[in-house]
Amino acid sequence: MISFIMKTTKTFNKVVVSKNGTPDVLEIKKESIVAEKKNGLLIEVWAFGIGWADVMAQRGGYALAPKKPFTPGYDFVGRVIESYDSTHFEAGDRVAALLPRMGTYSEILEVDEKYLVKIPATVDIEKVAAAILNYTTAYCIIGQKAKVTTGDSVYIQGVSGGVGLALAQIGQSTGLKMYGTTSASKTPLVAGYGVNAIDYETERMEKVILQEHPHGIDAAFDARGGNSLSNCLKVVKKGGVVVSYGFAGDNYGGNREMLRGLGIAFKNFCTPTGKSIKFCATPSEVEKKNAWYKETLRKIFEQIDSGEISPLIGDIVPFQEITKAHKRMESGKLAGKIIVKTKYFTA
């Protein structure tokens, strides 16, 4: 019996990092791909989000970045253009995905269908693009790692960041008592999510929280590692938990920051304090807990559609202006998610 592998040739643009440095190292290159059934469904990418991991990878401080040259990006929204003989998807389906490895800064992708989730016709595509990584990470932190419930007290480091705002919005709907560090200019924004804002330039987070909770709070969510992780441990009570989901440090990450965070966790393990440290690397959860990942993404779509959650979009940038998008991300002045649209965006 002769078997045939379906093949489709596509020419497209993608972003490539061949050397580390400022956002100017981001290059847009034309590529050709011979897409095959065995490599997954063929997707026309409409938009993708920019995360801090992408910036660290560009700068050379992200230990999980692929070997250079590589394409950044973990998430995307788009349309199936070749489904081969899939029983779950067909050409024309609107889909989203969070991938376990980078590569989504591209106009065309081949994606294993186990990572794809259909987007209902009524759901706003821009909001989906802004929510995929940040809100999945927030649900991982709150529900899978910290397991906090209504009435619990939590601290969100960098609450005005993308994941920080997602944590705040989910925390508000969950009924958490929240504290979060931010700049004075962003205090009104985070206060709108029910967060007790702490100005990191003029206030000591530990002093503010421990004055109200002398024995500590239930959980703290750390986005930076290093000193931030240590400070989170100070404000968590015995029996409480710190969830760390980033090793950016005061800069653009690096192996030193990652090792420092792991060292703090090891010390806490060897010298029991009654407090636990857990780590959340969302892309790896996509592989380890694939069913949870897809269920969570569907839940996020439903909540966007109902208005229960509304991701804040900080900026929308055309694909050809990817350098500008990363410069805005690095400035730290923007609140909300930056999303990048390709020429295929039609929603």
Protein backbone atom coordinates (compact mmCIF):
# COMPACT_ATOMS: atom_id res chain seq x y z
CA MET A 1 0.00 0.00 0.00
CA ILE A 2 1.42 3.41 -0.97
CA SER A 3 0.96 6.27 1.51
CA PHE A 4 1.19 9.92 0.54
CA ILE A 5 2.25 12.80 2.77
CA MET A 6 0.42 16.02 1.92
CA LYS A 7 2.76 18.95 1.38
CA THR A 8 2.14 22.67 1.04
CA THR A 9 4.83 25.25 0.29
CA LYS A 10 4.43 28.66 1.92
CA THR A 11 6.55 31.80 1.87
CA PHE A 12 6.20 34.11 4.85
CA ASN A 13 7.97 36.52 7.20
CA LYS A 14 9.19 35.79 10.70
CA VAL A 15 11.24 37.57 13.35
CA VAL A 16 14.71 36.19 13.99
CA VAL A 17 17.27 36.86 16.74
CA SER A 18 20.75 36.01 15.45
CA LYS A 19 22.64 37.92 18.15
CA ASN A 20 21.70 39.33 21.53
CA GLY A 21 21.35 43.01 22.30
CA THR A 22 18.90 45.92 22.12
CA PRO A 23 15.59 45.60 20.24
CA ASP A 24 17.45 46.58 17.07
CA VAL A 25 18.79 43.00 16.83
CA LEU A 26 15.28 41.82 15.88
CA GLU A 27 15.27 41.02 12.17
CA ILE A 28 12.37 40.25 9.88
CA LYS A 29 13.34 37.55 7.44
CA LYS A 30 11.50 35.89 4.60
CA GLU A 31 11.25 32.12 4.90
CA SER A 32 9.85 29.27 2.87
CA ILE A 33 8.34 26.23 4.48
CA VAL A 34 7.35 22.89 3.02
CA ALA A 35 4.48 22.12 5.36
CA GLU A 36 3.71 18.46 5.88
CA LYS A 37 0.86 16.61 7.52
CA LYS A 38 3.24 14.89 9.92
CA ASN A 39 4.44 18.25 11.33
CA GLY A 40 1.06 19.57 12.45
CA LEU A 41 -1.68 21.85 11.16
CA LEU A 42 -0.77 24.87 9.07
CA ILE A 43 -1.77 28.13 10.73
CA GLU A 44 -2.05 31.66 9.38
CA VAL A 45 -1.02 33.82 12.36
CA TRP A 46 -3.14 36.91 12.95
CA ALA A 47 -1.55 38.27 16.12
CA PHE A 48 0.76 37.39 18.98
CA GLY A 49 1.62 38.88 22.36
CA ILE A 50 4.92 40.17 23.67
CA GLY A 51 6.06 38.92 27.07
CA TRP A 52 9.01 39.79 29.26
CA ALA A 53 10.56 36.41 28.46
CA ASP A 54 10.77 37.55 24.83
CA VAL A 55 12.67 40.68 25.88
CA MET A 56 15.05 38.66 28.08
CA ALA A 57 15.61 36.21 25.22
CA GLN A 58 16.41 39.08 22.87
CA ARG A 59 18.86 40.48 25.43
CA GLY A 60 20.46 37.10 26.13
CA GLY A 61 19.21 36.67 29.68
CA TYR A 62 16.59 33.96 29.21
CA ALA A 63 17.98 30.51 29.96
CA LEU A 64 15.07 28.78 28.20
CA ALA A 65 15.54 30.60 24.90
CA PRO A 66 16.30 28.35 21.92
CA LYS A 67 19.75 28.27 20.41
CA LYS A 68 20.45 31.24 18.11
CA PRO A 69 19.19 32.02 15.57
CA PHE A 70 15.71 31.73 17.04
CA THR A 71 12.24 33.23 16.80
CA PRO A 72 10.70 34.59 20.06
CA GLY A 73 7.11 34.27 21.17
CA TYR A 74 5.02 31.76 23.08
CA ASP A 75 1.42 32.54 22.06
CA PHE A 76 -0.70 33.48 19.05
CA VAL A 77 -4.17 33.71 17.54
CA GLY A 78 -4.86 32.80 13.94
CA ARG A 79 -6.74 30.68 11.42
CA VAL A 80 -6.27 27.10 10.29
CA ILE A 81 -5.42 27.06 6.57
CA GLU A 82 -4.57 23.37 6.24
CA SER A 83 -6.04 20.79 8.60
CA TYR A 84 -5.08 17.66 6.65
CA ASP A 85 -7.21 14.84 8.10
CA SER A 86 -7.66 16.27 11.61
CA THR A 87 -10.84 15.16 13.35
CA HIS A 88 -10.91 18.22 15.62
CA PHE A 89 -10.05 21.14 13.32
CA GLU A 90 -10.82 22.22 9.78
CA ALA A 91 -9.64 25.00 7.48
CA GLY A 92 -11.15 28.31 8.57
CA ASP A 93 -11.26 27.58 12.31
CA ARG A 94 -10.15 30.48 14.49
CA VAL A 95 -7.61 29.13 16.94
CA ALA A 96 -5.27 30.16 19.73
CA ALA A 97 -2.35 28.46 21.40
CA LEU A 98 0.30 28.77 24.05
CA LEU A 99 3.30 26.72 22.92
CA PRO A 100 5.83 24.98 25.19
CA ARG A 101 8.71 26.44 23.18
CA MET A 102 9.28 29.80 21.52
CA GLY A 103 8.64 30.55 17.85
CA THR A 104 5.35 32.41 17.38
CA TYR A 105 6.71 35.73 16.00
CA SER A 106 5.83 34.49 12.53
CA GLU A 107 3.17 34.90 9.84
CA ILE A 108 2.82 31.14 9.29
CA LEU A 109 3.26 28.27 11.75
CA GLU A 110 2.98 24.51 11.82
CA VAL A 111 1.38 23.52 15.12
CA ASP A 112 0.54 20.19 16.70
CA GLU A 113 -3.21 20.18 17.25
CA LYS A 114 -2.79 19.20 20.91
CA TYR A 115 -1.82 22.83 21.59
CA LEU A 116 -4.69 24.42 19.66
CA VAL A 117 -7.96 25.65 21.14
CA LYS A 118 -10.84 26.96 19.02
CA ILE A 119 -11.92 30.55 19.57
CA PRO A 120 -15.71 30.97 19.58
CA ALA A 121 -17.03 33.28 16.85
CA THR A 122 -18.34 35.83 19.36
CA VAL A 123 -15.07 36.35 21.25
CA ASP A 124 -12.93 39.44 20.62
CA ILE A 125 -9.70 38.28 18.93
CA GLU A 126 -7.61 41.22 20.20
CA LYS A 127 -8.57 40.49 23.80
CA VAL A 128 -7.77 36.82 23.30
CA ALA A 129 -4.31 37.74 21.98
CA ALA A 130 -3.77 39.89 25.07
CA ALA A 131 -4.94 37.18 27.48
CA ILE A 132 -3.39 33.88 26.41
CA LEU A 133 -0.06 33.88 28.25
CA ASN A 134 -0.86 36.34 31.04
CA TYR A 135 -4.18 34.89 32.18
CA THR A 136 -3.13 31.27 31.81
CA THR A 137 -0.11 32.10 33.98
CA ALA A 138 -2.34 33.88 36.51
CA TYR A 139 -4.66 30.87 36.76
CA CYS A 140 -1.65 28.59 37.15
CA ILE A 141 -0.33 30.74 40.01
CA ILE A 142 -3.62 31.25 41.85
CA GLY A 143 -5.30 27.90 41.29
CA GLN A 144 -2.57 25.34 40.63
CA LYS A 145 0.31 26.57 42.78
CA ALA A 146 -0.92 28.87 45.58
CA LYS A 147 -4.43 27.40 45.81
CA VAL A 148 -5.76 30.58 47.44
CA THR A 149 -9.48 31.07 48.03
CA THR A 150 -11.96 33.81 48.90
CA GLY A 151 -10.80 35.95 51.82
CA ASP A 152 -7.10 35.03 51.54
CA SER A 153 -4.50 37.80 51.52
CA VAL A 154 -1.88 38.00 48.76
CA TYR A 155 0.95 40.22 47.55
CA ILE A 156 1.53 40.78 43.81
CA GLN A 157 5.02 42.01 42.92
CA GLY A 158 4.86 44.34 39.91
CA VAL A 159 1.07 44.37 39.88
CA SER A 160 0.85 46.78 36.91
CA GLY A 161 2.67 44.32 34.62
CA GLY A 162 0.85 41.98 32.25
CA VAL A 163 0.64 38.97 34.56
CA GLY A 164 0.23 41.27 37.56
CA LEU A 165 -2.94 42.83 36.16
CA ALA A 166 -4.27 39.38 35.24
CA LEU A 167 -3.64 38.22 38.81
CA ALA A 168 -5.38 41.34 40.11
CA GLN A 169 -8.46 40.87 37.94
CA ILE A 170 -8.81 37.18 38.77
CA GLY A 171 -8.03 37.93 42.41
CA GLN A 172 -10.77 40.56 42.51
CA SER A 173 -13.36 38.14 41.13
CA THR A 174 -12.13 35.47 43.57
CA GLY A 175 -12.49 37.79 46.56
CA LEU A 176 -8.82 38.02 47.58
CA LYS A 177 -7.39 40.80 49.72
CA MET A 178 -4.58 42.09 47.52
CA TYR A 179 -1.47 44.21 47.92
CA GLY A 180 0.81 45.12 45.04
CA THR A 181 3.84 47.22 44.25
CA THR A 182 3.68 49.69 41.39
CA SER A 183 4.71 53.23 40.44
CA ALA A 184 2.73 56.23 41.67
CA SER A 185 1.46 56.96 38.16
CA LYS A 186 -0.16 53.51 37.91
CA THR A 187 -1.72 53.51 41.39
CA PRO A 188 -5.20 54.56 40.15
CA LEU A 189 -5.14 51.76 37.58
CA VAL A 190 -4.36 48.95 40.04
CA ALA A 191 -6.67 50.43 42.69
CA GLY A 192 -9.47 49.92 40.17
CA TYR A 193 -8.84 46.18 40.44
CA GLY A 194 -9.23 46.28 44.21
CA VAL A 195 -5.50 46.23 44.95
CA ASN A 196 -3.96 48.10 47.88
CA ALA A 197 -1.21 49.82 45.89
CA ILE A 198 2.27 50.23 47.39
CA ASP A 199 4.53 52.81 45.74
CA TYR A 200 7.86 50.98 45.37
CA GLU A 201 9.74 54.28 45.14
CA THR A 202 8.58 55.71 48.46
CA GLU A 203 7.29 52.78 50.56
CA ARG A 204 8.76 49.55 51.89
CA MET A 205 6.49 46.71 50.88
CA GLU A 206 7.34 44.59 53.94
CA LYS A 207 6.55 47.43 56.35
CA VAL A 208 3.18 48.20 54.77
CA ILE A 209 2.01 44.58 54.71
CA LEU A 210 3.33 43.51 58.11
CA GLN A 211 1.74 46.53 59.78
CA GLU A 212 -1.66 45.21 58.71
CA HIS A 213 -0.77 41.50 58.93
CA PRO A 214 1.79 41.07 61.74
CA HIS A 215 1.86 37.29 61.26
CA GLY A 216 2.08 37.54 57.49
CA ILE A 217 -0.20 36.96 54.52
CA ASP A 218 -1.31 33.77 52.80
CA ALA A 219 0.64 34.03 49.55
CA ALA A 220 3.01 36.20 47.54
CA PHE A 221 3.55 36.19 43.79
CA ASP A 222 7.06 37.05 42.65
CA ALA A 223 7.88 38.09 39.07
CA ARG A 224 11.55 38.94 39.43
CA GLY A 225 13.45 36.51 41.64
CA GLY A 226 16.52 37.51 43.68
CA ASN A 227 15.80 40.20 46.27
CA SER A 228 12.13 40.20 45.31
CA LEU A 229 11.83 36.50 46.15
CA SER A 230 13.55 37.07 49.51
CA ASN A 231 11.21 39.95 50.34
CA CYS A 232 8.19 37.85 49.44
CA LEU A 233 9.29 35.24 51.98
CA LYS A 234 9.40 37.94 54.67
CA VAL A 235 5.73 38.82 54.31
CA VAL A 236 4.29 35.31 54.01
CA LYS A 237 3.04 33.64 57.19
CA LYS A 238 3.95 30.14 58.34
CA GLY A 239 2.00 27.73 56.19
CA GLY A 240 1.93 30.30 53.42
CA VAL A 241 3.42 30.06 49.93
CA VAL A 242 5.52 32.14 47.58
CA VAL A 243 4.99 31.46 43.88
CA SER A 244 7.82 32.65 41.66
CA TYR A 245 7.20 32.92 37.93
CA GLY A 246 10.15 34.97 36.69
CA PHE A 247 13.87 35.55 37.12
CA ALA A 248 14.27 38.98 35.54
CA GLY A 249 16.03 40.44 38.58
CA ASP A 250 16.55 44.19 38.26
CA ASN A 251 17.37 43.85 34.60
CA TYR A 252 17.03 41.36 31.77
CA GLY A 253 17.53 38.13 33.66
CA GLY A 254 20.47 35.81 33.12
CA ASN A 255 21.70 32.54 34.58
CA ARG A 256 22.92 34.36 37.68
CA GLU A 257 19.38 35.52 38.55
CA MET A 258 17.95 32.06 37.94
CA LEU A 259 20.61 30.38 40.08
CA ARG A 260 20.06 32.98 42.78
CA GLY A 261 16.36 32.20 42.91
CA LEU A 262 17.00 28.48 43.03
CA GLY A 263 19.56 29.07 45.80
CA ILE A 264 16.99 30.96 47.88
CA ALA A 265 14.51 28.13 47.39
CA PHE A 266 17.12 25.53 48.37
CA LYS A 267 18.06 27.47 51.50
CA ASN A 268 14.39 27.75 52.46
CA PHE A 269 14.05 23.98 51.99
CA CYS A 270 17.17 23.17 54.06
CA THR A 271 16.26 25.61 56.83
CA PRO A 272 12.53 25.01 57.27
CA THR A 273 10.53 28.18 57.93
CA GLY A 274 7.09 26.69 57.52
CA LYS A 275 6.82 28.62 54.27
CA SER A 276 6.96 27.02 50.83
CA ILE A 277 8.29 28.24 47.50
CA LYS A 278 6.79 27.02 44.25
CA PHE A 279 7.71 27.85 40.68
CA CYS A 280 5.36 28.46 37.77
CA ALA A 281 6.76 28.11 34.24
CA THR A 282 3.56 28.26 32.22
CA PRO A 283 4.88 26.96 28.87
CA SER A 284 6.06 23.75 30.57
CA GLU A 285 2.60 23.34 32.12
CA VAL A 286 1.22 23.14 28.56
CA GLU A 287 3.13 19.88 28.15
CA LYS A 288 2.76 18.48 31.65
CA LYS A 289 -0.92 19.35 32.13
CA ASN A 290 -2.24 19.62 28.59
CA ALA A 291 -5.87 18.99 29.55
CA TRP A 292 -5.70 21.67 32.27
CA TYR A 293 -4.13 24.10 29.81
CA LYS A 294 -6.86 23.69 27.19
CA GLU A 295 -9.64 23.77 29.79
CA THR A 296 -8.18 26.99 31.22
CA LEU A 297 -7.90 28.64 27.81
CA ARG A 298 -11.53 27.80 27.03
CA LYS A 299 -12.55 29.24 30.41
CA ILE A 300 -10.64 32.46 29.62
CA PHE A 301 -12.45 32.75 26.27
CA GLU A 302 -15.81 32.33 28.00
CA GLN A 303 -14.92 34.97 30.60
CA ILE A 304 -13.81 37.43 27.91
CA ASP A 305 -17.07 36.83 26.02
CA SER A 306 -19.18 37.37 29.14
CA GLY A 307 -17.20 40.42 30.25
CA GLU A 308 -16.08 38.76 33.47
CA ILE A 309 -12.49 39.51 32.51
CA SER A 310 -11.24 42.19 30.15
CA PRO A 311 -7.52 42.11 29.37
CA LEU A 312 -5.94 45.55 29.21
CA ILE A 313 -4.31 46.18 25.83
CA GLY A 314 -1.44 48.63 26.13
CA ASP A 315 -0.62 48.91 22.44
CA ILE A 316 -1.27 47.26 19.08
CA VAL A 317 1.68 47.28 16.71
CA PRO A 318 2.02 46.11 13.08
CA PHE A 319 4.32 43.14 12.46
CA GLN A 320 6.81 45.30 10.55
CA GLU A 321 7.28 47.48 13.68
CA ILE A 322 8.37 44.67 15.99
CA THR A 323 11.44 46.64 17.08
CA LYS A 324 9.22 49.51 18.21
CA ALA A 325 7.08 47.06 20.17
CA HIS A 326 10.07 45.68 22.08
CA LYS A 327 11.37 49.20 22.78
CA ARG A 328 8.00 50.11 24.30
CA MET A 329 8.07 46.92 26.37
CA GLU A 330 11.57 47.70 27.66
CA SER A 331 10.61 51.27 28.60
CA GLY A 332 8.42 49.98 31.44
CA LYS A 333 6.09 52.95 30.96
CA LEU A 334 3.27 51.01 29.38
CA ALA A 335 0.49 49.27 31.30
CA GLY A 336 -1.22 46.34 29.67
CA LYS A 337 -0.31 43.85 26.96
CA ILE A 338 1.41 44.75 23.72
CA ILE A 339 0.06 42.71 20.83
CA VAL A 340 1.48 42.52 17.32
CA LYS A 341 -0.77 42.09 14.28
CA THR A 342 0.32 40.45 11.04
CA LYS A 343 -0.98 41.28 7.57
CA TYR A 344 -3.45 38.40 7.89
CA PHE A 345 -5.44 39.94 10.76
CA THR A 346 -8.99 40.34 9.50
CA ALA A 347 -11.15 39.88 12.60
